[in-house]
PDB file of N, CA and C in Angstrom:
ATOM      1  N   MET A   1     -24.624  -6.857   0.889  1.00  0.00           N
ATOM      2  CA  MET A   1     -23.252  -6.717   1.528  1.00  0.00           C
ATOM      3  C   MET A   1     -22.169  -7.467   0.487  1.00  0.00           C
ATOM      4  N   HIS A   2     -22.550  -7.974  -0.452  1.00  0.00           N
ATOM      5  CA  HIS A   2     -21.594  -8.735  -1.578  1.00  0.00           C
ATOM      6  C   HIS A   2     -21.454  -7.583  -2.083  1.00  0.00           C
ATOM      7  N   SER A   3     -21.539  -6.311  -2.581  1.00  0.00           N
ATOM      8  CA  SER A   3     -21.213  -5.279  -3.193  1.00  0.00           C
ATOM      9  C   SER A   3     -20.186  -4.416  -2.522  1.00  0.00           C
ATOM     10  N   LEU A   4     -20.411  -4.921  -1.149  1.00  0.00           N
ATOM     11  CA  LEU A   4     -19.452  -3.572  -0.424  1.00  0.00           C
ATOM     12  C   LEU A   4     -18.363  -4.121  -0.246  1.00  0.00           C
ATOM     13  N   LEU A   5     -18.197  -5.795   0.033  1.00  0.00           N
ATOM     14  CA  LEU A   5     -16.661  -6.597  -0.109  1.00  0.00           C
ATOM     15  C   LEU A   5     -16.208  -6.294  -1.455  1.00  0.00           C
ATOM     16  N   ASN A   6     -17.135  -6.208  -2.846  1.00  0.00           N
ATOM     17  CA  ASN A   6     -16.409  -5.826  -4.046  1.00  0.00           C
ATOM     18  C   ASN A   6     -15.643  -4.839  -4.059  1.00  0.00           C
ATOM     19  N   VAL A   7     -16.351  -3.736  -3.782  1.00  0.00           N
ATOM     20  CA  VAL A   7     -16.150  -2.424  -3.001  1.00  0.00           C
ATOM     21  C   VAL A   7     -14.727  -2.027  -2.509  1.00  0.00           C
ATOM     22  N   LEU A   8     -14.430  -2.626  -1.662  1.00  0.00           N
ATOM     23  CA  LEU A   8     -13.459  -3.227  -0.710  1.00  0.00           C
ATOM     24  C   LEU A   8     -12.361  -3.557  -1.443  1.00  0.00           C
ATOM     25  N   TYR A   9     -12.632  -4.850  -1.739  1.00  0.00           N
ATOM     26  CA  TYR A   9     -11.206  -5.590  -2.646  1.00  0.00           C
ATOM     27  C   TYR A   9     -10.651  -4.963  -3.563  1.00  0.00           C
ATOM     28  N   LEU A  10     -11.747  -3.903  -4.497  1.00  0.00           N
ATOM     29  CA  LEU A  10     -11.407  -3.172  -5.192  1.00  0.00           C
ATOM     30  C   LEU A  10     -10.248  -1.930  -4.694  1.00  0.00           C
ATOM     31  N   ALA A  11     -11.301  -1.508  -3.553  1.00  0.00           N
ATOM     32  CA  ALA A  11     -10.148  -0.281  -2.762  1.00  0.00           C
ATOM     33  C   ALA A  11      -8.630  -0.715  -2.494  1.00  0.00           C
ATOM     34  N   LEU A  12      -8.725  -1.801  -2.144  1.00  0.00           N
ATOM     35  CA  LEU A  12      -7.373  -2.581  -1.611  1.00  0.00           C
ATOM     36  C   LEU A  12      -6.302  -2.870  -2.496  1.00  0.00           C
ATOM     37  N   GLU A  13      -7.095  -3.085  -3.678  1.00  0.00           N
ATOM     38  CA  GLU A  13      -6.253  -3.429  -4.814  1.00  0.00           C
ATOM     39  C   GLU A  13      -5.565  -2.366  -5.586  1.00  0.00           C
ATOM     40  N   LEU A  14      -6.754  -1.134  -5.869  1.00  0.00           N
ATOM     41  CA  LEU A  14      -6.233  -0.080  -6.277  1.00  0.00           C
ATOM     42  C   LEU A  14      -5.084   0.790  -5.122  1.00  0.00           C
ATOM     43  N   TYR A  15      -5.250   0.790  -3.983  1.00  0.00           N
ATOM     44  CA  TYR A  15      -4.317   1.035  -3.300  1.00  0.00           C
ATOM     45  C   TYR A  15      -2.737   0.344  -3.130  1.00  0.00           C
ATOM     46  N   SER A  16      -3.265  -0.873  -3.561  1.00  0.00           N
ATOM     47  CA  SER A  16      -1.563  -1.603  -3.672  1.00  0.00           C
ATOM     48  C   SER A  16      -0.761  -1.298  -4.865  1.00  0.00           C
ATOM     49  N   PHE A  17      -1.686  -0.997  -5.726  1.00  0.00           N
ATOM     50  CA  PHE A  17      -1.215  -0.301  -7.471  1.00  0.00           C
ATOM     51  C   PHE A  17      -0.532   0.683  -7.022  1.00  0.00           C
ATOM     52  N   ALA A  18      -1.096   1.651  -6.156  1.00  0.00           N
ATOM     53  CA  ALA A  18      -0.787   3.114  -5.915  1.00  0.00           C
ATOM     54  C   ALA A  18       0.431   3.129  -5.333  1.00  0.00           C
ATOM     55  N   LEU A  19       0.683   2.222  -4.308  1.00  0.00           N
ATOM     56  CA  LEU A  19       1.972   2.118  -3.550  1.00  0.00           C
ATOM     57  C   LEU A  19       2.930   1.500  -4.621  1.00  0.00           C
ATOM     58  N   ILE A  20       2.627   0.444  -5.025  1.00  0.00           N
ATOM     59  CA  ILE A  20       3.850   0.115  -6.303  1.00  0.00           C
ATOM     60  C   ILE A  20       4.175   1.389  -7.225  1.00  0.00           C
ATOM     61  N   ILE A  21       3.064   1.697  -7.748  1.00  0.00           N
ATOM     62  CA  ILE A  21       3.812   3.217  -8.521  1.00  0.00           C
ATOM     63  C   ILE A  21       4.468   3.987  -7.764  1.00  0.00           C
ATOM     64  N   TYR A  22       4.017   4.208  -6.679  1.00  0.00           N
ATOM     65  CA  TYR A  22       4.924   5.181  -5.705  1.00  0.00           C
ATOM     66  C   TYR A  22       6.320   4.662  -5.317  1.00  0.00           C
ATOM     67  N   ILE A  23       6.324   3.398  -4.945  1.00  0.00           N
ATOM     68  CA  ILE A  23       7.938   2.816  -4.854  1.00  0.00           C
ATOM     69  C   ILE A  23       8.545   3.162  -6.069  1.00  0.00           C
ATOM     70  N   PHE A  24       8.306   2.871  -7.160  1.00  0.00           N
ATOM     71  CA  PHE A  24       8.802   2.763  -8.550  1.00  0.00           C
ATOM     72  C   PHE A  24       9.364   4.301  -8.845  1.00  0.00           C
ATOM     73  N   MET A  25       8.440   5.525  -8.294  1.00  0.00           N
ATOM     74  CA  MET A  25       9.086   6.660  -8.769  1.00  0.00           C
ATOM     75  C   MET A  25      10.050   7.128  -7.953  1.00  0.00           C
ATOM     76  N   SER A  26      10.492   6.408  -6.961  1.00  0.00           N
ATOM     77  CA  SER A  26      12.155   6.694  -6.542  1.00  0.00           C
ATOM     78  C   SER A  26      13.191   6.292  -7.182  1.00  0.00           C
ATOM     79  N   TRP A  27      12.832   5.236  -8.560  1.00  0.00           N
ATOM     80  CA  TRP A  27      14.137   5.035  -9.119  1.00  0.00           C
ATOM     81  C   TRP A  27      14.227   5.932 -10.173  1.00  0.00           C
ATOM     82  N   PHE A  28      13.478   7.349 -10.434  1.00  0.00           N
ATOM     83  CA  PHE A  28      13.155   8.107 -11.135  1.00  0.00           C
ATOM     84  C   PHE A  28      13.693   9.731 -10.636  1.00  0.00           C
ATOM     85  N   PRO A  29      14.662  10.199 -11.014  1.00  0.00           N
ATOM     86  CA  PRO A  29      14.915  11.408 -10.486  1.00  0.00           C
ATOM     87  C   PRO A  29      13.921  12.377 -10.641  1.00  0.00           C
ATOM     88  N   GLY A  30      12.988  12.924  -9.517  1.00  0.00           N
ATOM     89  CA  GLY A  30      12.411  14.284  -9.785  1.00  0.00           C
ATOM     90  C   GLY A  30      10.798  13.684 -10.124  1.00  0.00           C
ATOM     91  N   ALA A  31      10.565  12.556  -9.785  1.00  0.00           N
ATOM     92  CA  ALA A  31       9.404  11.767 -10.518  1.00  0.00           C
ATOM     93  C   ALA A  31       8.425  12.261  -8.886  1.00  0.00           C
ATOM     94  N   ARG A  32       8.783  11.986  -8.049  1.00  0.00           N
ATOM     95  CA  ARG A  32       8.150  12.159  -6.671  1.00  0.00           C
ATOM     96  C   ARG A  32       7.817  13.760  -6.564  1.00  0.00           C
ATOM     97  N   GLU A  33       8.907  14.643  -6.826  1.00  0.00           N
ATOM     98  CA  GLU A  33       8.395  16.191  -6.914  1.00  0.00           C
ATOM     99  C   GLU A  33       7.399  16.434  -8.132  1.00  0.00           C
ATOM    100  N   SER A  34       7.085  15.605  -9.050  1.00  0.00           N
ATOM    101  CA  SER A  34       5.867  16.272  -9.804  1.00  0.00           C
ATOM    102  C   SER A  34       4.172  16.102  -8.950  1.00  0.00           C
ATOM    103  N   SER A  35       3.461  16.583  -9.315  1.00  0.00           N
ATOM    104  CA  SER A  35       2.043  16.683  -8.721  1.00  0.00           C
ATOM    105  C   SER A  35       1.595  15.337  -8.426  1.00  0.00           C
ATOM    106  N   PHE A  36       1.712  14.603  -9.328  1.00  0.00           N
ATOM    107  CA  PHE A  36       1.313  13.116  -9.241  1.00  0.00           C
ATOM    108  C   PHE A  36       2.079  12.668  -8.123  1.00  0.00           C
ATOM    109  N   GLY A  37       3.149  12.985  -8.075  1.00  0.00           N
ATOM    110  CA  GLY A  37       4.115  12.251  -7.234  1.00  0.00           C
ATOM    111  C   GLY A  37       3.706  12.602  -5.609  1.00  0.00           C
ATOM    112  N   VAL A  38       3.534  14.035  -5.480  1.00  0.00           N
ATOM    113  CA  VAL A  38       3.124  14.572  -4.331  1.00  0.00           C
ATOM    114  C   VAL A  38       1.802  14.215  -3.617  1.00  0.00           C
ATOM    115  N   PHE A  39       0.723  14.000  -4.542  1.00  0.00           N
ATOM    116  CA  PHE A  39      -0.366  13.150  -4.590  1.00  0.00           C
ATOM    117  C   PHE A  39      -0.257  11.926  -4.073  1.00  0.00           C
ATOM    118  N   LEU A  40       0.580  11.111  -4.457  1.00  0.00           N
ATOM    119  CA  LEU A  40       0.783   9.771  -4.193  1.00  0.00           C
ATOM    120  C   LEU A  40       1.237   9.756  -3.039  1.00  0.00           C
ATOM    121  N   ALA A  41       2.307  10.436  -2.658  1.00  0.00           N
ATOM    122  CA  ALA A  41       3.134  10.864  -1.032  1.00  0.00           C
ATOM    123  C   ALA A  41       2.033  11.136  -0.286  1.00  0.00           C
ATOM    124  N   LYS A  42       0.820  11.927  -0.427  1.00  0.00           N
ATOM    125  CA  LYS A  42      -0.284  12.067   0.700  1.00  0.00           C
ATOM    126  C   LYS A  42      -0.736  10.944   0.825  1.00  0.00           C
ATOM    127  N   ILE A  43      -1.377   9.877   0.034  1.00  0.00           N
ATOM    128  CA  ILE A  43      -2.005   8.588   0.228  1.00  0.00           C
ATOM    129  C   ILE A  43      -1.073   7.506   0.594  1.00  0.00           C
ATOM    130  N   CYS A  44       0.184   7.500   0.333  1.00  0.00           N
ATOM    131  CA  CYS A  44       1.103   6.546   0.673  1.00  0.00           C
ATOM    132  C   CYS A  44       1.786   6.549   1.657  1.00  0.00           C
ATOM    133  N   GLU A  45       2.409   7.719   2.059  1.00  0.00           N
ATOM    134  CA  GLU A  45       3.303   7.750   3.394  1.00  0.00           C
ATOM    135  C   GLU A  45       2.647   7.597   4.772  1.00  0.00           C
ATOM    136  N   PRO A  46       1.375   7.869   4.923  1.00  0.00           N
ATOM    137  CA  PRO A  46       0.496   7.515   6.110  1.00  0.00           C
ATOM    138  C   PRO A  46       0.697   6.120   6.627  1.00  0.00           C
ATOM    139  N   TYR A  47       0.445   5.479   5.612  1.00  0.00           N
ATOM    140  CA  TYR A  47       0.423   4.066   5.483  1.00  0.00           C
ATOM    141  C   TYR A  47       1.828   3.150   5.777  1.00  0.00           C
ATOM    142  N   LEU A  48       2.801   4.040   5.227  1.00  0.00           N
ATOM    143  CA  LEU A  48       4.057   3.122   4.915  1.00  0.00           C
ATOM    144  C   LEU A  48       5.007   3.644   6.222  1.00  0.00           C
ATOM    145  N   GLU A  49       4.815   4.910   6.908  1.00  0.00           N
ATOM    146  CA  GLU A  49       5.242   5.259   7.936  1.00  0.00           C
ATOM    147  C   GLU A  49       5.430   3.661   9.015  1.00  0.00           C
ATOM    148  N   PRO A  50       4.326   3.689   9.641  1.00  0.00           N
ATOM    149  CA  PRO A  50       4.585   2.716  11.020  1.00  0.00           C
ATOM    150  C   PRO A  50       5.307   1.403  10.469  1.00  0.00           C
ATOM    151  N   PHE A  51       5.579   0.976   9.202  1.00  0.00           N
ATOM    152  CA  PHE A  51       6.202  -0.230   8.922  1.00  0.00           C
ATOM    153  C   PHE A  51       7.791   0.498   8.827  1.00  0.00           C
ATOM    154  N   ARG A  52       7.941   1.716   8.639  1.00  0.00           N
ATOM    155  CA  ARG A  52       9.780   2.258   8.196  1.00  0.00           C
ATOM    156  C   ARG A  52       9.874   2.130   9.464  1.00  0.00           C
ATOM    157  N   ARG A  53       9.229   2.273  10.671  1.00  0.00           N
ATOM    158  CA  ARG A  53       9.862   2.123  12.048  1.00  0.00           C
ATOM    159  C   ARG A  53       9.899   0.933  12.482  1.00  0.00           C
ATOM    160  N   ILE A  54       8.652  -0.350  11.914  1.00  0.00           N
ATOM    161  CA  ILE A  54       8.893  -1.748  12.107  1.00  0.00           C
ATOM    162  C   ILE A  54      10.279  -2.263  11.656  1.00  0.00           C
ATOM    163  N   VAL A  55      10.434  -2.270  10.391  1.00  0.00           N
ATOM    164  CA  VAL A  55      11.016  -2.662   9.446  1.00  0.00           C
ATOM    165  C   VAL A  55      12.182  -2.108   9.389  1.00  0.00           C
ATOM    166  N   PRO A  56      13.706  -2.371   9.587  1.00  0.00           N
ATOM    167  CA  PRO A  56      14.800  -1.608   9.543  1.00  0.00           C
ATOM    168  C   PRO A  56      15.196  -1.792   7.900  1.00  0.00           C
ATOM    169  N   PRO A  57      16.026  -0.763   7.790  1.00  0.00           N
ATOM    170  CA  PRO A  57      16.561  -0.870   6.097  1.00  0.00           C
ATOM    171  C   PRO A  57      17.614  -1.624   6.299  1.00  0.00           C
ATOM    172  N   LEU A  58      17.943  -2.427   4.894  1.00  0.00           N
ATOM    173  CA  LEU A  58      19.114  -3.273   4.747  1.00  0.00           C
ATOM    174  C   LEU A  58      20.280  -2.534   4.147  1.00  0.00           C
ATOM    175  N   GLY A  59      21.083  -1.837   4.504  1.00  0.00           N
ATOM    176  CA  GLY A  59      22.019  -1.063   3.685  1.00  0.00           C
ATOM    177  C   GLY A  59      21.099   0.095   3.202  1.00  0.00           C
ATOM    178  N   MET A  60      21.168   0.306   1.743  1.00  0.00           N
ATOM    179  CA  MET A  60      20.175   1.192   0.951  1.00  0.00           C
ATOM    180  C   MET A  60      19.118   0.683   0.419  1.00  0.00           C
ATOM    181  N   ILE A  61      18.625  -0.338   1.027  1.00  0.00           N
ATOM    182  CA  ILE A  61      17.101  -1.204   0.345  1.00  0.00           C
ATOM    183  C   ILE A  61      16.026  -1.115   1.421  1.00  0.00           C
ATOM    184  N   ASP A  62      15.324  -0.643   1.065  1.00  0.00           N
ATOM    185  CA  ASP A  62      14.246  -0.028   1.982  1.00  0.00           C
ATOM    186  C   ASP A  62      13.161  -1.410   2.001  1.00  0.00           C
ATOM    187  N   LEU A  63      12.819  -2.431   2.784  1.00  0.00           N
ATOM    188  CA  LEU A  63      12.185  -3.461   2.936  1.00  0.00           C
ATOM    189  C   LEU A  63      10.456  -3.221   3.107  1.00  0.00           C
ATOM    190  N   SER A  64      10.499  -2.162   3.860  1.00  0.00           N
ATOM    191  CA  SER A  64       9.139  -1.611   4.828  1.00  0.00           C
ATOM    192  C   SER A  64       8.154  -1.650   3.424  1.00  0.00           C
ATOM    193  N   PRO A  65       8.018  -1.475   1.941  1.00  0.00           N
ATOM    194  CA  PRO A  65       7.153  -1.291   1.312  1.00  0.00           C
ATOM    195  C   PRO A  65       6.567  -2.387   1.118  1.00  0.00           C
ATOM    196  N   ILE A  66       7.397  -3.732   0.971  1.00  0.00           N
ATOM    197  CA  ILE A  66       7.367  -4.732   0.592  1.00  0.00           C
ATOM    198  C   ILE A  66       6.478  -5.761   1.725  1.00  0.00           C
ATOM    199  N   VAL A  67       6.790  -5.035   2.907  1.00  0.00           N
ATOM    200  CA  VAL A  67       5.846  -5.754   4.025  1.00  0.00           C
ATOM    201  C   VAL A  67       4.444  -4.748   4.041  1.00  0.00           C
ATOM    202  N   ALA A  68       4.476  -4.001   3.618  1.00  0.00           N
ATOM    203  CA  ALA A  68       3.110  -3.169   3.643  1.00  0.00           C
ATOM    204  C   ALA A  68       2.284  -3.683   2.469  1.00  0.00           C
ATOM    205  N   ILE A  69       2.590  -4.027   1.290  1.00  0.00           N
ATOM    206  CA  ILE A  69       2.006  -4.717   0.367  1.00  0.00           C
ATOM    207  C   ILE A  69       1.539  -6.064   1.011  1.00  0.00           C
ATOM    208  N   PHE A  70       2.326  -6.542   1.208  1.00  0.00           N
ATOM    209  CA  PHE A  70       2.057  -7.917   1.694  1.00  0.00           C
ATOM    210  C   PHE A  70       0.982  -7.913   2.819  1.00  0.00           C
ATOM    211  N   VAL A  71       1.225  -7.140   4.011  1.00  0.00           N
ATOM    212  CA  VAL A  71      -0.286  -7.139   4.561  1.00  0.00           C
ATOM    213  C   VAL A  71      -1.500  -6.477   4.044  1.00  0.00           C
ATOM    214  N   LEU A  72      -1.362  -5.677   3.167  1.00  0.00           N
ATOM    215  CA  LEU A  72      -2.613  -5.165   2.348  1.00  0.00           C
ATOM    216  C   LEU A  72      -3.413  -6.700   1.386  1.00  0.00           C
ATOM    217  N   TYR A  73      -2.083  -7.540   1.049  1.00  0.00           N
ATOM    218  CA  TYR A  73      -2.759  -8.372   0.303  1.00  0.00           C
ATOM    219  C   TYR A  73      -3.184  -9.440   1.118  1.00  0.00           C
ATOM    220  N   PHE A  74      -2.934  -9.780   2.266  1.00  0.00           N
ATOM    221  CA  PHE A  74      -3.559 -10.726   3.561  1.00  0.00           C
ATOM    222  C   PHE A  74      -4.753 -10.183   3.820  1.00  0.00           C
ATOM    223  N   ALA A  75      -4.657  -8.483   3.888  1.00  0.00           N
ATOM    224  CA  ALA A  75      -5.747  -8.375   4.353  1.00  0.00           C
ATOM    225  C   ALA A  75      -7.130  -8.384   3.407  1.00  0.00           C
ATOM    226  N   ARG A  76      -6.425  -8.341   2.078  1.00  0.00           N
ATOM    227  CA  ARG A  76      -7.535  -8.429   1.176  1.00  0.00           C
ATOM    228  C   ARG A  76      -8.137 -10.109   0.711  1.00  0.00           C
ATOM    229  N   ALA A  77      -7.145 -10.733   1.200  1.00  0.00           N
ATOM    230  CA  ALA A  77      -6.991 -12.290   0.739  1.00  0.00           C
ATOM    231  C   ALA A  77      -7.967 -13.200   2.142  1.00  0.00           C
ATOM    232  N   PHE A  78      -7.294 -12.632   3.064  1.00  0.00           N
ATOM    233  CA  PHE A  78      -7.940 -13.312   4.538  1.00  0.00           C
ATOM    234  C   PHE A  78      -8.895 -12.432   5.566  1.00  0.00           C
ATOM    235  N   GLY A  79      -8.362 -11.660   5.475  1.00  0.00           N
ATOM    236  CA  GLY A  79      -9.323 -10.280   6.142  1.00  0.00           C
ATOM    237  C   GLY A  79     -10.487  -9.740   6.210  1.00  0.00           C
ATOM    238  N   LEU A  80     -10.955  -9.773   4.715  1.00  0.00           N
ATOM    239  CA  LEU A  80     -12.203  -9.180   4.428  1.00  0.00           C
ATOM    240  C   LEU A  80     -13.040 -10.653   4.399  1.00  0.00           C
ATOM    241  N   PRO A  81     -12.740 -11.350   3.937  1.00  0.00           N
ATOM    242  CA  PRO A  81     -13.728 -13.019   4.088  1.00  0.00           C
ATOM    243  C   PRO A  81     -14.087 -13.303   5.162  1.00  0.00           C
ATOM    244  N   VAL A  82     -13.217 -13.095   6.528  1.00  0.00           N
ATOM    245  CA  VAL A  82     -13.310 -13.595   7.482  1.00  0.00           C
ATOM    246  C   VAL A  82     -14.153 -12.155   7.937  1.00  0.00           C
ATOM    247  N   LEU A  83     -13.879 -11.296   7.949  1.00  0.00           N
ATOM    248  CA  LEU A  83     -15.023  -9.936   8.088  1.00  0.00           C
ATOM    249  C   LEU A  83     -16.269  -9.899   7.844  1.00  0.00           C
ATOM    250  N   PHE A  84     -16.387 -10.653   6.599  1.00  0.00           N
ATOM    251  CA  PHE A  84     -18.024 -10.674   6.097  1.00  0.00           C
ATOM    252  C   PHE A  84     -18.624 -11.323   6.299  1.00  0.00           C
ATOM    253  N   SER A  85     -17.606 -12.887   6.781  1.00  0.00           N
ATOM    254  CA  SER A  85     -18.207 -13.980   7.037  1.00  0.00           C
ATOM    255  C   SER A  85     -19.516 -13.875   8.399  1.00  0.00           C
ATOM    256  N   TRP A  86     -18.765 -12.757   9.019  1.00  0.00           N
ATOM    257  CA  TRP A  86     -19.888 -12.454  10.214  1.00  0.00           C
ATOM    258  C   TRP A  86     -21.086 -11.694   9.895  1.00  0.00           C
ATOM    259  N   PHE A  87     -21.425 -11.258   8.694  1.00  0.00           N
ATOM    260  CA  PHE A  87     -22.842 -10.870   8.681  1.00  0.00           C
ATOM    261  C   PHE A  87     -23.522 -11.720   7.726  1.00  0.00           C
TER     262      PHE A  87
END
């Protein structure tokens, strides 16, 4: 059970890094149109979409990815330990 917890921790951490890279790609013209950018869009956009519906943008700044990363952090820091303490 401990190894499954470690795998889930690692998966959530890698997904957080993928989100951060995807967010920074918006700063570079044409980066999201590359094959790597399209790949990241396929794995990141389904997760970011509900947050974009909930969190309104402030002018031209989209804060929803920051909220999404915090949710992943809290899931990793608090959700997984609670979930695995039941077993």
